[in-house]
Amino acid sequence: DDLASRYDIVIAEGAGSPTEINLRAGDYVNLGLARHAGMPAVVVGDIDRGGVFAAFFGTVALLCPEDQALIAGFVVNKFRGNLELLAPG
């Protein structure tokens, strides 16, 4: 709250998965912080591991509607090569 009162933009990095349903109540490092601060969230996926679009879809599907509403976008991390390969996604 203090940072948000002093700055126009505050960026916070989460840790681990935001979809650990059994840990949601005590989550303060992922969407718990976003819920508290009322800030949008960006989901980052590692394309090197494969299945990044399925991971994005699964992540959002497992979130409750309240948390789904916080998702502002997605970032494909570690992409190398022709950007046209991502065009269908």
N, C-alpha and C. Protein backbone atom coordinates (compact mmCIF):
# COMPACT_ATOMS: atom_id res chain seq x y z
N ASP A 1 0.83 -1.20 0.00
CA ASP A 1 0.00 0.00 0.00
C ASP A 1 0.87 1.26 0.00
N ASP A 2 1.97 1.20 0.74
CA ASP A 2 2.87 2.34 0.81
C ASP A 2 3.45 2.67 -0.56
N LEU A 3 3.94 1.66 -1.26
CA LEU A 3 4.51 1.89 -2.59
C LEU A 3 3.47 2.44 -3.56
N ALA A 4 2.28 1.88 -3.52
CA ALA A 4 1.21 2.32 -4.42
C ALA A 4 0.82 3.77 -4.16
N SER A 5 0.98 4.22 -2.93
CA SER A 5 0.65 5.61 -2.62
C SER A 5 1.73 6.58 -3.09
N ARG A 6 2.94 6.07 -3.32
CA ARG A 6 4.05 6.95 -3.71
C ARG A 6 4.42 6.88 -5.19
N TYR A 7 3.99 5.83 -5.89
CA TYR A 7 4.41 5.65 -7.27
C TYR A 7 3.22 5.36 -8.18
N ASP A 8 3.35 5.77 -9.44
CA ASP A 8 2.29 5.51 -10.42
C ASP A 8 2.24 4.04 -10.81
N ILE A 9 3.41 3.40 -10.89
CA ILE A 9 3.49 2.00 -11.30
C ILE A 9 4.29 1.22 -10.27
N VAL A 10 3.75 0.09 -9.85
CA VAL A 10 4.46 -0.82 -8.95
C VAL A 10 4.45 -2.19 -9.61
N ILE A 11 5.62 -2.78 -9.76
CA ILE A 11 5.74 -4.11 -10.35
C ILE A 11 6.15 -5.08 -9.26
N ALA A 12 5.40 -6.16 -9.12
CA ALA A 12 5.70 -7.18 -8.12
C ALA A 12 5.84 -8.52 -8.82
N GLU A 13 6.88 -9.26 -8.49
CA GLU A 13 7.10 -10.56 -9.10
C GLU A 13 6.60 -11.66 -8.17
N GLY A 14 5.83 -12.57 -8.71
CA GLY A 14 5.34 -13.70 -7.93
C GLY A 14 6.38 -14.81 -7.89
N ALA A 15 6.03 -15.88 -7.22
CA ALA A 15 6.93 -17.02 -7.10
C ALA A 15 6.12 -18.31 -7.20
N GLY A 16 6.55 -19.21 -8.07
CA GLY A 16 5.83 -20.47 -8.19
C GLY A 16 4.55 -20.31 -8.98
N SER A 17 3.64 -21.22 -8.76
CA SER A 17 2.40 -21.26 -9.52
C SER A 17 1.28 -20.50 -8.81
N PRO A 18 0.50 -19.71 -9.55
CA PRO A 18 -0.64 -19.03 -8.94
C PRO A 18 -1.86 -19.94 -8.80
N THR A 19 -1.75 -21.19 -9.23
CA THR A 19 -2.91 -22.08 -9.23
C THR A 19 -2.82 -23.21 -8.23
N GLU A 20 -2.07 -23.03 -7.19
CA GLU A 20 -2.05 -24.04 -6.13
C GLU A 20 -3.29 -23.82 -5.28
N ILE A 21 -4.37 -24.47 -5.68
CA ILE A 21 -5.68 -24.23 -5.10
C ILE A 21 -5.69 -24.44 -3.58
N ASN A 22 -4.95 -25.43 -3.12
CA ASN A 22 -4.92 -25.72 -1.69
C ASN A 22 -4.17 -24.65 -0.89
N LEU A 23 -3.41 -23.78 -1.56
CA LEU A 23 -2.65 -22.74 -0.87
C LEU A 23 -3.24 -21.35 -1.05
N ARG A 24 -4.37 -21.24 -1.75
CA ARG A 24 -4.94 -19.94 -2.10
C ARG A 24 -5.20 -19.06 -0.88
N ALA A 25 -5.73 -19.62 0.17
CA ALA A 25 -6.10 -18.81 1.34
C ALA A 25 -4.91 -18.08 1.95
N GLY A 26 -3.73 -18.69 1.91
CA GLY A 26 -2.56 -18.06 2.50
C GLY A 26 -1.60 -17.47 1.49
N ASP A 27 -2.03 -17.40 0.23
CA ASP A 27 -1.14 -16.90 -0.83
C ASP A 27 -0.89 -15.41 -0.68
N TYR A 28 0.35 -15.04 -0.56
CA TYR A 28 0.69 -13.62 -0.56
C TYR A 28 1.80 -13.30 -1.57
N VAL A 29 2.29 -14.31 -2.30
CA VAL A 29 3.37 -14.06 -3.25
C VAL A 29 2.91 -14.09 -4.70
N ASN A 30 1.69 -14.42 -4.95
CA ASN A 30 1.18 -14.44 -6.33
C ASN A 30 -0.09 -13.61 -6.41
N LEU A 31 -1.19 -14.24 -6.69
CA LEU A 31 -2.43 -13.49 -6.87
C LEU A 31 -2.99 -12.95 -5.56
N GLY A 32 -2.55 -13.47 -4.44
CA GLY A 32 -2.96 -12.91 -3.16
C GLY A 32 -2.54 -11.45 -3.04
N LEU A 33 -1.33 -11.16 -3.45
CA LEU A 33 -0.83 -9.78 -3.45
C LEU A 33 -1.62 -8.94 -4.45
N ALA A 34 -1.87 -9.49 -5.63
CA ALA A 34 -2.65 -8.76 -6.65
C ALA A 34 -4.06 -8.47 -6.14
N ARG A 35 -4.67 -9.45 -5.48
CA ARG A 35 -6.02 -9.23 -4.91
C ARG A 35 -5.98 -8.12 -3.88
N HIS A 36 -5.01 -8.17 -2.99
CA HIS A 36 -4.90 -7.18 -1.91
C HIS A 36 -4.71 -5.77 -2.48
N ALA A 37 -3.83 -5.66 -3.48
CA ALA A 37 -3.50 -4.35 -4.03
C ALA A 37 -4.43 -3.92 -5.15
N GLY A 38 -5.29 -4.84 -5.61
CA GLY A 38 -6.18 -4.52 -6.73
C GLY A 38 -5.42 -4.23 -8.01
N MET A 39 -4.32 -4.98 -8.21
CA MET A 39 -3.50 -4.72 -9.40
C MET A 39 -3.63 -5.86 -10.40
N PRO A 40 -3.47 -5.53 -11.68
CA PRO A 40 -3.54 -6.56 -12.72
C PRO A 40 -2.35 -7.49 -12.63
N ALA A 41 -2.53 -8.69 -13.15
CA ALA A 41 -1.46 -9.70 -13.13
C ALA A 41 -1.16 -10.15 -14.56
N VAL A 42 0.10 -10.49 -14.78
CA VAL A 42 0.55 -11.03 -16.06
C VAL A 42 1.09 -12.42 -15.79
N VAL A 43 0.65 -13.40 -16.57
CA VAL A 43 1.13 -14.77 -16.42
C VAL A 43 2.30 -14.96 -17.39
N VAL A 44 3.43 -15.44 -16.86
CA VAL A 44 4.62 -15.67 -17.67
C VAL A 44 4.81 -17.17 -17.84
N GLY A 45 5.01 -17.60 -19.08
CA GLY A 45 5.22 -19.02 -19.37
C GLY A 45 6.54 -19.24 -20.09
N ASP A 46 7.20 -20.32 -19.76
CA ASP A 46 8.50 -20.68 -20.32
C ASP A 46 8.30 -21.59 -21.53
N ILE A 47 8.56 -21.07 -22.72
CA ILE A 47 8.34 -21.85 -23.94
C ILE A 47 9.34 -22.99 -24.08
N ASP A 48 10.50 -22.89 -23.42
CA ASP A 48 11.50 -23.97 -23.50
C ASP A 48 10.99 -25.29 -22.94
N ARG A 49 10.05 -25.22 -22.02
CA ARG A 49 9.52 -26.44 -21.41
C ARG A 49 8.45 -27.10 -22.28
N GLY A 50 7.98 -26.38 -23.29
CA GLY A 50 6.95 -26.91 -24.18
C GLY A 50 5.56 -26.71 -23.61
N GLY A 51 4.58 -26.64 -24.49
CA GLY A 51 3.19 -26.53 -24.06
C GLY A 51 2.83 -25.23 -23.38
N VAL A 52 3.46 -24.14 -23.79
CA VAL A 52 3.23 -22.88 -23.09
C VAL A 52 1.79 -22.40 -23.21
N PHE A 53 1.16 -22.60 -24.36
CA PHE A 53 -0.22 -22.13 -24.51
C PHE A 53 -1.18 -23.00 -23.70
N ALA A 54 -0.92 -24.29 -23.63
CA ALA A 54 -1.73 -25.17 -22.78
C ALA A 54 -1.54 -24.79 -21.31
N ALA A 55 -0.32 -24.42 -20.94
CA ALA A 55 -0.06 -24.00 -19.56
C ALA A 55 -0.81 -22.72 -19.23
N PHE A 56 -0.82 -21.77 -20.16
CA PHE A 56 -1.58 -20.54 -19.95
C PHE A 56 -3.06 -20.85 -19.77
N PHE A 57 -3.60 -21.66 -20.67
CA PHE A 57 -5.02 -22.01 -20.61
C PHE A 57 -5.35 -22.72 -19.30
N GLY A 58 -4.54 -23.70 -18.94
CA GLY A 58 -4.77 -24.46 -17.71
C GLY A 58 -4.67 -23.60 -16.47
N THR A 59 -3.73 -22.68 -16.47
CA THR A 59 -3.58 -21.77 -15.33
C THR A 59 -4.84 -20.96 -15.13
N VAL A 60 -5.32 -20.34 -16.19
CA VAL A 60 -6.52 -19.51 -16.08
C VAL A 60 -7.74 -20.36 -15.74
N ALA A 61 -7.84 -21.55 -16.32
CA ALA A 61 -8.99 -22.42 -16.06
C ALA A 61 -9.08 -22.84 -14.60
N LEU A 62 -7.94 -22.99 -13.94
CA LEU A 62 -7.93 -23.41 -12.54
C LEU A 62 -8.18 -22.27 -11.56
N LEU A 63 -8.10 -21.05 -12.02
CA LEU A 63 -8.33 -19.90 -11.15
C LEU A 63 -9.82 -19.68 -10.92
N CYS A 64 -10.16 -19.18 -9.76
CA CYS A 64 -11.55 -18.80 -9.51
C CYS A 64 -11.86 -17.54 -10.33
N PRO A 65 -13.13 -17.27 -10.60
CA PRO A 65 -13.49 -16.11 -11.42
C PRO A 65 -12.90 -14.79 -10.91
N GLU A 66 -12.82 -14.63 -9.59
CA GLU A 66 -12.24 -13.40 -9.01
C GLU A 66 -10.79 -13.23 -9.45
N ASP A 67 -10.03 -14.32 -9.42
CA ASP A 67 -8.63 -14.26 -9.82
C ASP A 67 -8.48 -14.18 -11.34
N GLN A 68 -9.36 -14.84 -12.08
CA GLN A 68 -9.32 -14.75 -13.54
C GLN A 68 -9.45 -13.30 -13.99
N ALA A 69 -10.27 -12.54 -13.29
CA ALA A 69 -10.49 -11.14 -13.66
C ALA A 69 -9.23 -10.29 -13.49
N LEU A 70 -8.28 -10.75 -12.71
CA LEU A 70 -7.03 -10.01 -12.49
C LEU A 70 -6.02 -10.20 -13.63
N ILE A 71 -6.21 -11.23 -14.45
CA ILE A 71 -5.24 -11.54 -15.49
C ILE A 71 -5.37 -10.53 -16.63
N ALA A 72 -4.30 -9.75 -16.82
CA ALA A 72 -4.30 -8.71 -17.85
C ALA A 72 -3.61 -9.15 -19.13
N GLY A 73 -2.81 -10.22 -19.05
CA GLY A 73 -2.11 -10.67 -20.24
C GLY A 73 -1.14 -11.79 -19.96
N PHE A 74 -0.41 -12.15 -21.00
CA PHE A 74 0.52 -13.28 -20.94
C PHE A 74 1.85 -12.87 -21.57
N VAL A 75 2.93 -13.44 -21.06
CA VAL A 75 4.26 -13.23 -21.63
C VAL A 75 4.87 -14.60 -21.92
N VAL A 76 5.31 -14.78 -23.17
CA VAL A 76 6.02 -16.01 -23.54
C VAL A 76 7.50 -15.73 -23.32
N ASN A 77 8.08 -16.42 -22.36
CA ASN A 77 9.47 -16.22 -21.98
C ASN A 77 10.37 -17.20 -22.73
N LYS A 78 11.58 -16.78 -23.02
CA LYS A 78 12.63 -17.60 -23.64
C LYS A 78 12.33 -17.98 -25.09
N PHE A 79 11.50 -17.20 -25.76
CA PHE A 79 11.21 -17.49 -27.17
C PHE A 79 12.38 -17.04 -28.03
N ARG A 80 12.77 -17.90 -28.95
CA ARG A 80 13.82 -17.58 -29.92
C ARG A 80 13.31 -18.01 -31.29
N GLY A 81 13.57 -17.19 -32.29
CA GLY A 81 13.19 -17.60 -33.63
C GLY A 81 12.20 -16.67 -34.29
N ASN A 82 11.46 -17.21 -35.22
CA ASN A 82 10.54 -16.48 -36.06
C ASN A 82 9.25 -16.16 -35.29
N LEU A 83 8.94 -14.89 -35.11
CA LEU A 83 7.73 -14.49 -34.39
C LEU A 83 6.45 -14.97 -35.07
N GLU A 84 6.50 -15.22 -36.36
CA GLU A 84 5.31 -15.70 -37.08
C GLU A 84 4.85 -17.06 -36.56
N LEU A 85 5.75 -17.80 -35.94
CA LEU A 85 5.37 -19.10 -35.38
C LEU A 85 4.37 -18.95 -34.24
N LEU A 86 4.33 -17.78 -33.61
CA LEU A 86 3.38 -17.54 -32.51
C LEU A 86 2.06 -16.95 -33.01
N ALA A 87 2.00 -16.54 -34.25
CA ALA A 87 0.82 -15.85 -34.78
C ALA A 87 -0.50 -16.59 -34.55
N PRO A 88 -0.58 -17.90 -34.75
CA PRO A 88 -1.87 -18.56 -34.50
C PRO A 88 -2.30 -18.50 -33.03
N GLY A 89 -1.36 -18.38 -32.12
CA GLY A 89 -1.67 -18.37 -30.69
C GLY A 89 -2.01 -17.01 -30.20
